[in-house]
Amino acid sequence: AFNGRDAVAIVERACPDAVLIGLQMPSM
């Protein structure tokens, strides 16, 4: 995902085992 908003949407659809996420991203 390019940003936090997209990451949340992906998790809603796929519910992965883990998410590796940065602190500073566009949108969220």
mmCIF file of all heavy atoms, coordinates in Angstrom:
data_MODEL
# 
_entry.id   MODEL 
# 
loop_
_atom_site.group_PDB 
_atom_site.id 
_atom_site.type_symbol 
_atom_site.label_atom_id 
_atom_site.label_alt_id 
_atom_site.label_comp_id 
_atom_site.label_asym_id 
_atom_site.label_entity_id 
_atom_site.label_seq_id 
_atom_site.pdbx_PDB_ins_code 
_atom_site.Cartn_x 
_atom_site.Cartn_y 
_atom_site.Cartn_z 
_atom_site.occupancy 
_atom_site.B_iso_or_equiv 
_atom_site.pdbx_formal_charge 
_atom_site.auth_seq_id 
_atom_site.auth_comp_id 
_atom_site.auth_asym_id 
_atom_site.auth_atom_id 
_atom_site.pdbx_PDB_model_num 
ATOM 1   N N   . ALA A 1 1  ? 0.844   -1.184  0.000  1.00 0.00 ? 1  ALA A N   1 
ATOM 2   C CA  . ALA A 1 1  ? 0.000   0.000   0.000  1.00 0.00 ? 1  ALA A CA  1 
ATOM 3   C C   . ALA A 1 1  ? 0.880   1.235   0.000  1.00 0.00 ? 1  ALA A C   1 
ATOM 4   O O   . ALA A 1 1  ? 1.959   1.237   0.585  1.00 0.00 ? 1  ALA A O   1 
ATOM 5   C CB  . ALA A 1 1  ? -0.919  0.003   1.214  1.00 0.00 ? 1  ALA A CB  1 
ATOM 6   N N   . PHE A 1 2  ? 0.405   2.271   -0.639 1.00 0.00 ? 2  PHE A N   1 
ATOM 7   C CA  . PHE A 1 2  ? 1.144   3.525   -0.731 1.00 0.00 ? 2  PHE A CA  1 
ATOM 8   C C   . PHE A 1 2  ? 0.944   4.391   0.503  1.00 0.00 ? 2  PHE A C   1 
ATOM 9   O O   . PHE A 1 2  ? 1.786   5.203   0.842  1.00 0.00 ? 2  PHE A O   1 
ATOM 10  C CB  . PHE A 1 2  ? 0.717   4.288   -1.988 1.00 0.00 ? 2  PHE A CB  1 
ATOM 11  C CG  . PHE A 1 2  ? 1.371   5.625   -2.133 1.00 0.00 ? 2  PHE A CG  1 
ATOM 12  C CD1 . PHE A 1 2  ? 2.725   5.731   -2.412 1.00 0.00 ? 2  PHE A CD1 1 
ATOM 13  C CD2 . PHE A 1 2  ? 0.644   6.789   -1.960 1.00 0.00 ? 2  PHE A CD2 1 
ATOM 14  C CE1 . PHE A 1 2  ? 3.338   6.965   -2.533 1.00 0.00 ? 2  PHE A CE1 1 
ATOM 15  C CE2 . PHE A 1 2  ? 1.250   8.033   -2.080 1.00 0.00 ? 2  PHE A CE2 1 
ATOM 16  C CZ  . PHE A 1 2  ? 2.594   8.115   -2.370 1.00 0.00 ? 2  PHE A CZ  1 
ATOM 17  N N   . ASN A 1 3  ? -0.188  4.225   1.188  1.00 0.00 ? 3  ASN A N   1 
ATOM 18  C CA  . ASN A 1 3  ? -0.477  5.082   2.332  1.00 0.00 ? 3  ASN A CA  1 
ATOM 19  C C   . ASN A 1 3  ? -1.290  4.323   3.382  1.00 0.00 ? 3  ASN A C   1 
ATOM 20  O O   . ASN A 1 3  ? -1.721  3.191   3.158  1.00 0.00 ? 3  ASN A O   1 
ATOM 21  C CB  . ASN A 1 3  ? -1.203  6.358   1.889  1.00 0.00 ? 3  ASN A CB  1 
ATOM 22  C CG  . ASN A 1 3  ? -2.519  6.070   1.204  1.00 0.00 ? 3  ASN A CG  1 
ATOM 23  O OD1 . ASN A 1 3  ? -3.359  5.361   1.730  1.00 0.00 ? 3  ASN A OD1 1 
ATOM 24  N ND2 . ASN A 1 3  ? -2.705  6.621   0.014  1.00 0.00 ? 3  ASN A ND2 1 
ATOM 25  N N   . GLY A 1 4  ? -1.497  4.951   4.515  1.00 0.00 ? 4  GLY A N   1 
ATOM 26  C CA  . GLY A 1 4  ? -2.209  4.319   5.611  1.00 0.00 ? 4  GLY A CA  1 
ATOM 27  C C   . GLY A 1 4  ? -3.647  3.977   5.296  1.00 0.00 ? 4  GLY A C   1 
ATOM 28  O O   . GLY A 1 4  ? -4.159  2.936   5.713  1.00 0.00 ? 4  GLY A O   1 
ATOM 29  N N   . ARG A 1 5  ? -4.328  4.851   4.566  1.00 0.00 ? 5  ARG A N   1 
ATOM 30  C CA  . ARG A 1 5  ? -5.718  4.592   4.192  1.00 0.00 ? 5  ARG A CA  1 
ATOM 31  C C   . ARG A 1 5  ? -5.838  3.327   3.351  1.00 0.00 ? 5  ARG A C   1 
ATOM 32  O O   . ARG A 1 5  ? -6.713  2.498   3.575  1.00 0.00 ? 5  ARG A O   1 
ATOM 33  C CB  . ARG A 1 5  ? -6.266  5.801   3.420  1.00 0.00 ? 5  ARG A CB  1 
ATOM 34  C CG  . ARG A 1 5  ? -7.570  6.288   3.939  1.00 0.00 ? 5  ARG A CG  1 
ATOM 35  C CD  . ARG A 1 5  ? -8.051  7.530   3.207  1.00 0.00 ? 5  ARG A CD  1 
ATOM 36  N NE  . ARG A 1 5  ? -7.681  8.780   3.835  1.00 0.00 ? 5  ARG A NE  1 
ATOM 37  C CZ  . ARG A 1 5  ? -8.083  9.192   5.026  1.00 0.00 ? 5  ARG A CZ  1 
ATOM 38  N NH1 . ARG A 1 5  ? -8.838  8.423   5.759  1.00 0.00 ? 5  ARG A NH1 1 
ATOM 39  N NH2 . ARG A 1 5  ? -7.725  10.356  5.506  1.00 0.00 ? 5  ARG A NH2 1 
ATOM 40  N N   . ASP A 1 6  ? -4.938  3.196   2.373  1.00 0.00 ? 6  ASP A N   1 
ATOM 41  C CA  . ASP A 1 6  ? -4.934  1.995   1.532  1.00 0.00 ? 6  ASP A CA  1 
ATOM 42  C C   . ASP A 1 6  ? -4.603  0.746   2.357  1.00 0.00 ? 6  ASP A C   1 
ATOM 43  O O   . ASP A 1 6  ? -5.156  -0.327  2.124  1.00 0.00 ? 6  ASP A O   1 
ATOM 44  C CB  . ASP A 1 6  ? -3.928  2.132   0.388  1.00 0.00 ? 6  ASP A CB  1 
ATOM 45  C CG  . ASP A 1 6  ? -4.342  3.158   -0.654 1.00 0.00 ? 6  ASP A CG  1 
ATOM 46  O OD1 . ASP A 1 6  ? -5.515  3.599   -0.633 1.00 0.00 ? 6  ASP A OD1 1 
ATOM 47  O OD2 . ASP A 1 6  ? -3.493  3.525   -1.484 1.00 0.00 ? 6  ASP A OD2 1 
ATOM 48  N N   . ALA A 1 7  ? -3.696  0.883   3.320  1.00 0.00 ? 7  ALA A N   1 
ATOM 49  C CA  . ALA A 1 7  ? -3.329  -0.253  4.166  1.00 0.00 ? 7  ALA A CA  1 
ATOM 50  C C   . ALA A 1 7  ? -4.537  -0.763  4.945  1.00 0.00 ? 7  ALA A C   1 
ATOM 51  O O   . ALA A 1 7  ? -4.778  -1.969  5.018  1.00 0.00 ? 7  ALA A O   1 
ATOM 52  C CB  . ALA A 1 7  ? -2.210  0.139   5.130  1.00 0.00 ? 7  ALA A CB  1 
ATOM 53  N N   . VAL A 1 8  ? -5.314  0.148   5.505  1.00 0.00 ? 8  VAL A N   1 
ATOM 54  C CA  . VAL A 1 8  ? -6.506  -0.248  6.259  1.00 0.00 ? 8  VAL A CA  1 
ATOM 55  C C   . VAL A 1 8  ? -7.493  -0.956  5.333  1.00 0.00 ? 8  VAL A C   1 
ATOM 56  O O   . VAL A 1 8  ? -8.069  -1.990  5.686  1.00 0.00 ? 8  VAL A O   1 
ATOM 57  C CB  . VAL A 1 8  ? -7.155  0.972   6.957  1.00 0.00 ? 8  VAL A CB  1 
ATOM 58  C CG1 . VAL A 1 8  ? -8.491  0.593   7.588  1.00 0.00 ? 8  VAL A CG1 1 
ATOM 59  C CG2 . VAL A 1 8  ? -6.204  1.548   8.010  1.00 0.00 ? 8  VAL A CG2 1 
ATOM 60  N N   . ALA A 1 9  ? -7.671  -0.431  4.119  1.00 0.00 ? 9  ALA A N   1 
ATOM 61  C CA  . ALA A 1 9  ? -8.593  -1.057  3.155  1.00 0.00 ? 9  ALA A CA  1 
ATOM 62  C C   . ALA A 1 9  ? -8.129  -2.466  2.784  1.00 0.00 ? 9  ALA A C   1 
ATOM 63  O O   . ALA A 1 9  ? -8.949  -3.387  2.679  1.00 0.00 ? 9  ALA A O   1 
ATOM 64  C CB  . ALA A 1 9  ? -8.706  -0.181  1.907  1.00 0.00 ? 9  ALA A CB  1 
ATOM 65  N N   . ILE A 1 10 ? -6.833  -2.646  2.614  1.00 0.00 ? 10 ILE A N   1 
ATOM 66  C CA  . ILE A 1 10 ? -6.296  -3.976  2.293  1.00 0.00 ? 10 ILE A CA  1 
ATOM 67  C C   . ILE A 1 10 ? -6.556  -4.941  3.447  1.00 0.00 ? 10 ILE A C   1 
ATOM 68  O O   . ILE A 1 10 ? -6.970  -6.084  3.244  1.00 0.00 ? 10 ILE A O   1 
ATOM 69  C CB  . ILE A 1 10 ? -4.792  -3.897  1.967  1.00 0.00 ? 10 ILE A CB  1 
ATOM 70  C CG1 . ILE A 1 10 ? -4.598  -3.226  0.609  1.00 0.00 ? 10 ILE A CG1 1 
ATOM 71  C CG2 . ILE A 1 10 ? -4.144  -5.282  1.993  1.00 0.00 ? 10 ILE A CG2 1 
ATOM 72  C CD1 . ILE A 1 10 ? -3.168  -2.816  0.313  1.00 0.00 ? 10 ILE A CD1 1 
ATOM 73  N N   . VAL A 1 11 ? -6.333  -4.487  4.666  1.00 0.00 ? 11 VAL A N   1 
ATOM 74  C CA  . VAL A 1 11 ? -6.563  -5.346  5.825  1.00 0.00 ? 11 VAL A CA  1 
ATOM 75  C C   . VAL A 1 11 ? -8.039  -5.717  5.938  1.00 0.00 ? 11 VAL A C   1 
ATOM 76  O O   . VAL A 1 11 ? -8.374  -6.859  6.254  1.00 0.00 ? 11 VAL A O   1 
ATOM 77  C CB  . VAL A 1 11 ? -6.042  -4.685  7.124  1.00 0.00 ? 11 VAL A CB  1 
ATOM 78  C CG1 . VAL A 1 11 ? -6.494  -5.456  8.352  1.00 0.00 ? 11 VAL A CG1 1 
ATOM 79  C CG2 . VAL A 1 11 ? -4.525  -4.583  7.086  1.00 0.00 ? 11 VAL A CG2 1 
ATOM 80  N N   . GLU A 1 12 ? -8.923  -4.786  5.641  1.00 0.00 ? 12 GLU A N   1 
ATOM 81  C CA  . GLU A 1 12 ? -10.357 -5.102  5.668  1.00 0.00 ? 12 GLU A CA  1 
ATOM 82  C C   . GLU A 1 12 ? -10.693 -6.235  4.699  1.00 0.00 ? 12 GLU A C   1 
ATOM 83  O O   . GLU A 1 12 ? -11.515 -7.091  5.003  1.00 0.00 ? 12 GLU A O   1 
ATOM 84  C CB  . GLU A 1 12 ? -11.186 -3.864  5.302  1.00 0.00 ? 12 GLU A CB  1 
ATOM 85  C CG  . GLU A 1 12 ? -11.281 -2.859  6.416  1.00 0.00 ? 12 GLU A CG  1 
ATOM 86  C CD  . GLU A 1 12 ? -12.089 -1.640  6.034  1.00 0.00 ? 12 GLU A CD  1 
ATOM 87  O OE1 . GLU A 1 12 ? -11.832 -1.055  4.957  1.00 0.00 ? 12 GLU A OE1 1 
ATOM 88  O OE2 . GLU A 1 12 ? -12.983 -1.269  6.816  1.00 0.00 ? 12 GLU A OE2 1 
ATOM 89  N N   . ARG A 1 13 ? -10.055 -6.238  3.534  1.00 0.00 ? 13 ARG A N   1 
ATOM 90  C CA  . ARG A 1 13 ? -10.328 -7.266  2.513  1.00 0.00 ? 13 ARG A CA  1 
ATOM 91  C C   . ARG A 1 13 ? -9.593  -8.576  2.782  1.00 0.00 ? 13 ARG A C   1 
ATOM 92  O O   . ARG A 1 13 ? -10.158 -9.646  2.622  1.00 0.00 ? 13 ARG A O   1 
ATOM 93  C CB  . ARG A 1 13 ? -9.929  -6.752  1.124  1.00 0.00 ? 13 ARG A CB  1 
ATOM 94  C CG  . ARG A 1 13 ? -10.850 -5.723  0.543  1.00 0.00 ? 13 ARG A CG  1 
ATOM 95  C CD  . ARG A 1 13 ? -10.556 -5.466  -0.931 1.00 0.00 ? 13 ARG A CD  1 
ATOM 96  N NE  . ARG A 1 13 ? -9.153  -5.297  -1.255 1.00 0.00 ? 13 ARG A NE  1 
ATOM 97  C CZ  . ARG A 1 13 ? -8.482  -4.158  -1.243 1.00 0.00 ? 13 ARG A CZ  1 
ATOM 98  N NH1 . ARG A 1 13 ? -9.081  -3.036  -0.905 1.00 0.00 ? 13 ARG A NH1 1 
ATOM 99  N NH2 . ARG A 1 13 ? -7.205  -4.122  -1.577 1.00 0.00 ? 13 ARG A NH2 1 
ATOM 100 N N   . ALA A 1 14 ? -8.315  -8.496  3.156  1.00 0.00 ? 14 ALA A N   1 
ATOM 101 C CA  . ALA A 1 14 ? -7.469  -9.695  3.187  1.00 0.00 ? 14 ALA A CA  1 
ATOM 102 C C   . ALA A 1 14 ? -7.148  -10.219 4.581  1.00 0.00 ? 14 ALA A C   1 
ATOM 103 O O   . ALA A 1 14 ? -6.746  -11.365 4.716  1.00 0.00 ? 14 ALA A O   1 
ATOM 104 C CB  . ALA A 1 14 ? -6.157  -9.413  2.449  1.00 0.00 ? 14 ALA A CB  1 
ATOM 105 N N   . CYS A 1 15 ? -7.274  -9.392  5.596  1.00 0.00 ? 15 CYS A N   1 
ATOM 106 C CA  . CYS A 1 15 ? -6.933  -9.755  6.976  1.00 0.00 ? 15 CYS A CA  1 
ATOM 107 C C   . CYS A 1 15 ? -5.622  -10.566 7.024  1.00 0.00 ? 15 CYS A C   1 
ATOM 108 O O   . CYS A 1 15 ? -5.604  -11.734 7.417  1.00 0.00 ? 15 CYS A O   1 
ATOM 109 C CB  . CYS A 1 15 ? -8.072  -10.516 7.638  1.00 0.00 ? 15 CYS A CB  1 
ATOM 110 S SG  . CYS A 1 15 ? -7.982  -10.453 9.433  1.00 0.00 ? 15 CYS A SG  1 
ATOM 111 N N   . PRO A 1 16 ? -4.504  -9.942  6.614  1.00 0.00 ? 16 PRO A N   1 
ATOM 112 C CA  . PRO A 1 16 ? -3.227  -10.671 6.601  1.00 0.00 ? 16 PRO A CA  1 
ATOM 113 C C   . PRO A 1 16 ? -2.766  -11.010 8.014  1.00 0.00 ? 16 PRO A C   1 
ATOM 114 O O   . PRO A 1 16 ? -3.263  -10.460 8.992  1.00 0.00 ? 16 PRO A O   1 
ATOM 115 C CB  . PRO A 1 16 ? -2.265  -9.669  5.939  1.00 0.00 ? 16 PRO A CB  1 
ATOM 116 C CG  . PRO A 1 16 ? -2.858  -8.336  6.251  1.00 0.00 ? 16 PRO A CG  1 
ATOM 117 C CD  . PRO A 1 16 ? -4.341  -8.538  6.257  1.00 0.00 ? 16 PRO A CD  1 
ATOM 118 N N   . ASP A 1 17 ? -1.815  -11.915 8.096  1.00 0.00 ? 17 ASP A N   1 
ATOM 119 C CA  . ASP A 1 17 ? -1.258  -12.283 9.392  1.00 0.00 ? 17 ASP A CA  1 
ATOM 120 C C   . ASP A 1 17 ? -0.515  -11.111 10.021 1.00 0.00 ? 17 ASP A C   1 
ATOM 121 O O   . ASP A 1 17 ? -0.513  -10.959 11.243 1.00 0.00 ? 17 ASP A O   1 
ATOM 122 C CB  . ASP A 1 17 ? -0.289  -13.462 9.237  1.00 0.00 ? 17 ASP A CB  1 
ATOM 123 C CG  . ASP A 1 17 ? -0.994  -14.689 8.694  1.00 0.00 ? 17 ASP A CG  1 
ATOM 124 O OD1 . ASP A 1 17 ? -2.095  -15.006 9.176  1.00 0.00 ? 17 ASP A OD1 1 
ATOM 125 O OD2 . ASP A 1 17 ? -0.445  -15.319 7.771  1.00 0.00 ? 17 ASP A OD2 1 
ATOM 126 N N   . ALA A 1 18 ? 0.131   -10.306 9.180  1.00 0.00 ? 18 ALA A N   1 
ATOM 127 C CA  . ALA A 1 18 ? 0.925   -9.190  9.687  1.00 0.00 ? 18 ALA A CA  1 
ATOM 128 C C   . ALA A 1 18 ? 0.934   -8.042  8.688  1.00 0.00 ? 18 ALA A C   1 
ATOM 129 O O   . ALA A 1 18 ? 0.765   -8.247  7.488  1.00 0.00 ? 18 ALA A O   1 
ATOM 130 C CB  . ALA A 1 18 ? 2.358   -9.636  9.965  1.00 0.00 ? 18 ALA A CB  1 
ATOM 131 N N   . VAL A 1 19 ? 1.153   -6.846  9.227  1.00 0.00 ? 19 VAL A N   1 
ATOM 132 C CA  . VAL A 1 19 ? 1.300   -5.639  8.421  1.00 0.00 ? 19 VAL A CA  1 
ATOM 133 C C   . VAL A 1 19 ? 2.577   -4.952  8.876  1.00 0.00 ? 19 VAL A C   1 
ATOM 134 O O   . VAL A 1 19 ? 2.785   -4.733  10.071 1.00 0.00 ? 19 VAL A O   1 
ATOM 135 C CB  . VAL A 1 19 ? 0.110   -4.679  8.607  1.00 0.00 ? 19 VAL A CB  1 
ATOM 136 C CG1 . VAL A 1 19 ? 0.343   -3.357  7.911  1.00 0.00 ? 19 VAL A CG1 1 
ATOM 137 C CG2 . VAL A 1 19 ? -1.183  -5.307  8.117  1.00 0.00 ? 19 VAL A CG2 1 
ATOM 138 N N   . LEU A 1 20 ? 3.428   -4.639  7.925  1.00 0.00 ? 20 LEU A N   1 
ATOM 139 C CA  . LEU A 1 20 ? 4.637   -3.859  8.182  1.00 0.00 ? 20 LEU A CA  1 
ATOM 140 C C   . LEU A 1 20 ? 4.309   -2.450  7.715  1.00 0.00 ? 20 LEU A C   1 
ATOM 141 O O   . LEU A 1 20 ? 4.027   -2.235  6.534  1.00 0.00 ? 20 LEU A O   1 
ATOM 142 C CB  . LEU A 1 20 ? 5.813   -4.441  7.394  1.00 0.00 ? 20 LEU A CB  1 
ATOM 143 C CG  . LEU A 1 20 ? 7.162   -3.760  7.547  1.00 0.00 ? 20 LEU A CG  1 
ATOM 144 C CD1 . LEU A 1 20 ? 7.663   -3.897  8.986  1.00 0.00 ? 20 LEU A CD1 1 
ATOM 145 C CD2 . LEU A 1 20 ? 8.160   -4.353  6.571  1.00 0.00 ? 20 LEU A CD2 1 
ATOM 146 N N   . ILE A 1 21 ? 4.309   -1.503  8.641  1.00 0.00 ? 21 ILE A N   1 
ATOM 147 C CA  . ILE A 1 21 ? 3.824   -0.163  8.308  1.00 0.00 ? 21 ILE A CA  1 
ATOM 148 C C   . ILE A 1 21 ? 4.774   0.910   8.827  1.00 0.00 ? 21 ILE A C   1 
ATOM 149 O O   . ILE A 1 21 ? 5.328   0.790   9.919  1.00 0.00 ? 21 ILE A O   1 
ATOM 150 C CB  . ILE A 1 21 ? 2.387   0.011   8.861  1.00 0.00 ? 21 ILE A CB  1 
ATOM 151 C CG1 . ILE A 1 21 ? 1.699   1.235   8.282  1.00 0.00 ? 21 ILE A CG1 1 
ATOM 152 C CG2 . ILE A 1 21 ? 2.358   0.021   10.368 1.00 0.00 ? 21 ILE A CG2 1 
ATOM 153 C CD1 . ILE A 1 21 ? 0.200   1.224   8.473  1.00 0.00 ? 21 ILE A CD1 1 
ATOM 154 N N   . GLY A 1 22 ? 4.965   1.934   8.025  1.00 0.00 ? 22 GLY A N   1 
ATOM 155 C CA  . GLY A 1 22 ? 5.800   3.060   8.422  1.00 0.00 ? 22 GLY A CA  1 
ATOM 156 C C   . GLY A 1 22 ? 5.020   4.039   9.275  1.00 0.00 ? 22 GLY A C   1 
ATOM 157 O O   . GLY A 1 22 ? 3.800   3.967   9.372  1.00 0.00 ? 22 GLY A O   1 
ATOM 158 N N   . LEU A 1 23 ? 5.710   4.978   9.885  1.00 0.00 ? 23 LEU A N   1 
ATOM 159 C CA  . LEU A 1 23 ? 5.044   6.000   10.701 1.00 0.00 ? 23 LEU A CA  1 
ATOM 160 C C   . LEU A 1 23 ? 4.563   7.165   9.867  1.00 0.00 ? 23 LEU A C   1 
ATOM 161 O O   . LEU A 1 23 ? 3.448   7.634   10.038 1.00 0.00 ? 23 LEU A O   1 
ATOM 162 C CB  . LEU A 1 23 ? 6.011   6.543   11.758 1.00 0.00 ? 23 LEU A CB  1 
ATOM 163 C CG  . LEU A 1 23 ? 6.069   5.848   13.084 1.00 0.00 ? 23 LEU A CG  1 
ATOM 164 C CD1 . LEU A 1 23 ? 6.981   6.615   14.032 1.00 0.00 ? 23 LEU A CD1 1 
ATOM 165 C CD2 . LEU A 1 23 ? 4.716   5.657   13.695 1.00 0.00 ? 23 LEU A CD2 1 
ATOM 166 N N   . GLN A 1 24 ? 5.407   7.638   8.990  1.00 0.00 ? 24 GLN A N   1 
ATOM 167 C CA  . GLN A 1 24 ? 5.097   8.844   8.224  1.00 0.00 ? 24 GLN A CA  1 
ATOM 168 C C   . GLN A 1 24 ? 4.711   8.466   6.807  1.00 0.00 ? 24 GLN A C   1 
ATOM 169 O O   . GLN A 1 24 ? 5.551   8.012   6.030  1.00 0.00 ? 24 GLN A O   1 
ATOM 170 C CB  . GLN A 1 24 ? 6.304   9.786   8.240  1.00 0.00 ? 24 GLN A CB  1 
ATOM 171 C CG  . GLN A 1 24 ? 6.673   10.180  9.648  1.00 0.00 ? 24 GLN A CG  1 
ATOM 172 C CD  . GLN A 1 24 ? 8.044   10.809  9.749  1.00 0.00 ? 24 GLN A CD  1 
ATOM 173 O OE1 . GLN A 1 24 ? 8.899   10.590  8.919  1.00 0.00 ? 24 GLN A OE1 1 
ATOM 174 N NE2 . GLN A 1 24 ? 8.244   11.594  10.786 1.00 0.00 ? 24 GLN A NE2 1 
ATOM 175 N N   . MET A 1 25 ? 3.413   8.628   6.507  1.00 0.00 ? 25 MET A N   1 
ATOM 176 C CA  . MET A 1 25 ? 2.890   8.277   5.188  1.00 0.00 ? 25 MET A CA  1 
ATOM 177 C C   . MET A 1 25 ? 1.870   9.322   4.767  1.00 0.00 ? 25 MET A C   1 
ATOM 178 O O   . MET A 1 25 ? 1.305   10.020  5.611  1.00 0.00 ? 25 MET A O   1 
ATOM 179 C CB  . MET A 1 25 ? 2.191   6.908   5.246  1.00 0.00 ? 25 MET A CB  1 
ATOM 180 C CG  . MET A 1 25 ? 3.071   5.771   5.651  1.00 0.00 ? 25 MET A CG  1 
ATOM 181 S SD  . MET A 1 25 ? 2.127   4.249   5.776  1.00 0.00 ? 25 MET A SD  1 
ATOM 182 C CE  . MET A 1 25 ? 1.057   4.607   7.141  1.00 0.00 ? 25 MET A CE  1 
ATOM 183 N N   . PRO A 1 26 ? 1.590   9.381   3.477  1.00 0.00 ? 26 PRO A N   1 
ATOM 184 C CA  . PRO A 1 26 ? 0.529   10.272  3.022  1.00 0.00 ? 26 PRO A CA  1 
ATOM 185 C C   . PRO A 1 26 ? -0.846  9.770   3.497  1.00 0.00 ? 26 PRO A C   1 
ATOM 186 O O   . PRO A 1 26 ? -1.016  8.585   3.775  1.00 0.00 ? 26 PRO A O   1 
ATOM 187 C CB  . PRO A 1 26 ? 0.611   10.199  1.497  1.00 0.00 ? 26 PRO A CB  1 
ATOM 188 C CG  . PRO A 1 26 ? 1.804   9.389   1.161  1.00 0.00 ? 26 PRO A CG  1 
ATOM 189 C CD  . PRO A 1 26 ? 2.274   8.712   2.399  1.00 0.00 ? 26 PRO A CD  1 
ATOM 190 N N   . SER A 1 27 ? -1.797  10.635  3.594  1.00 0.00 ? 27 SER A N   1 
ATOM 191 C CA  . SER A 1 27 ? -3.203  10.346  3.902  1.00 0.00 ? 27 SER A CA  1 
ATOM 192 C C   . SER A 1 27 ? -3.482  9.963   5.349  1.00 0.00 ? 27 SER A C   1 
ATOM 193 O O   . SER A 1 27 ? -4.456  10.414  5.921  1.00 0.00 ? 27 SER A O   1 
ATOM 194 C CB  . SER A 1 27 ? -3.792  9.260   2.999  1.00 0.00 ? 27 SER A CB  1 
ATOM 195 O OG  . SER A 1 27 ? -3.755  9.656   1.671  1.00 0.00 ? 27 SER A OG  1 
ATOM 196 N N   . MET A 1 28 ? -2.664  9.110   5.930  1.00 0.00 ? 28 MET A N   1 
ATOM 197 C CA  . MET A 1 28 ? -2.888  8.669   7.303  1.00 0.00 ? 28 MET A CA  1 
ATOM 198 C C   . MET A 1 28 ? -1.573  8.151   7.867  1.00 0.00 ? 28 MET A C   1 
ATOM 199 O O   . MET A 1 28 ? -0.914  7.333   7.246  1.00 0.00 ? 28 MET A O   1 
ATOM 200 C CB  . MET A 1 28 ? -3.932  7.548   7.315  1.00 0.00 ? 28 MET A CB  1 
ATOM 201 C CG  . MET A 1 28 ? -4.280  7.025   8.687  1.00 0.00 ? 28 MET A CG  1 
ATOM 202 S SD  . MET A 1 28 ? -5.402  5.593   8.618  1.00 0.00 ? 28 MET A SD  1 
ATOM 203 C CE  . MET A 1 28 ? -6.844  6.297   7.847  1.00 0.00 ? 28 MET A CE  1 
# 
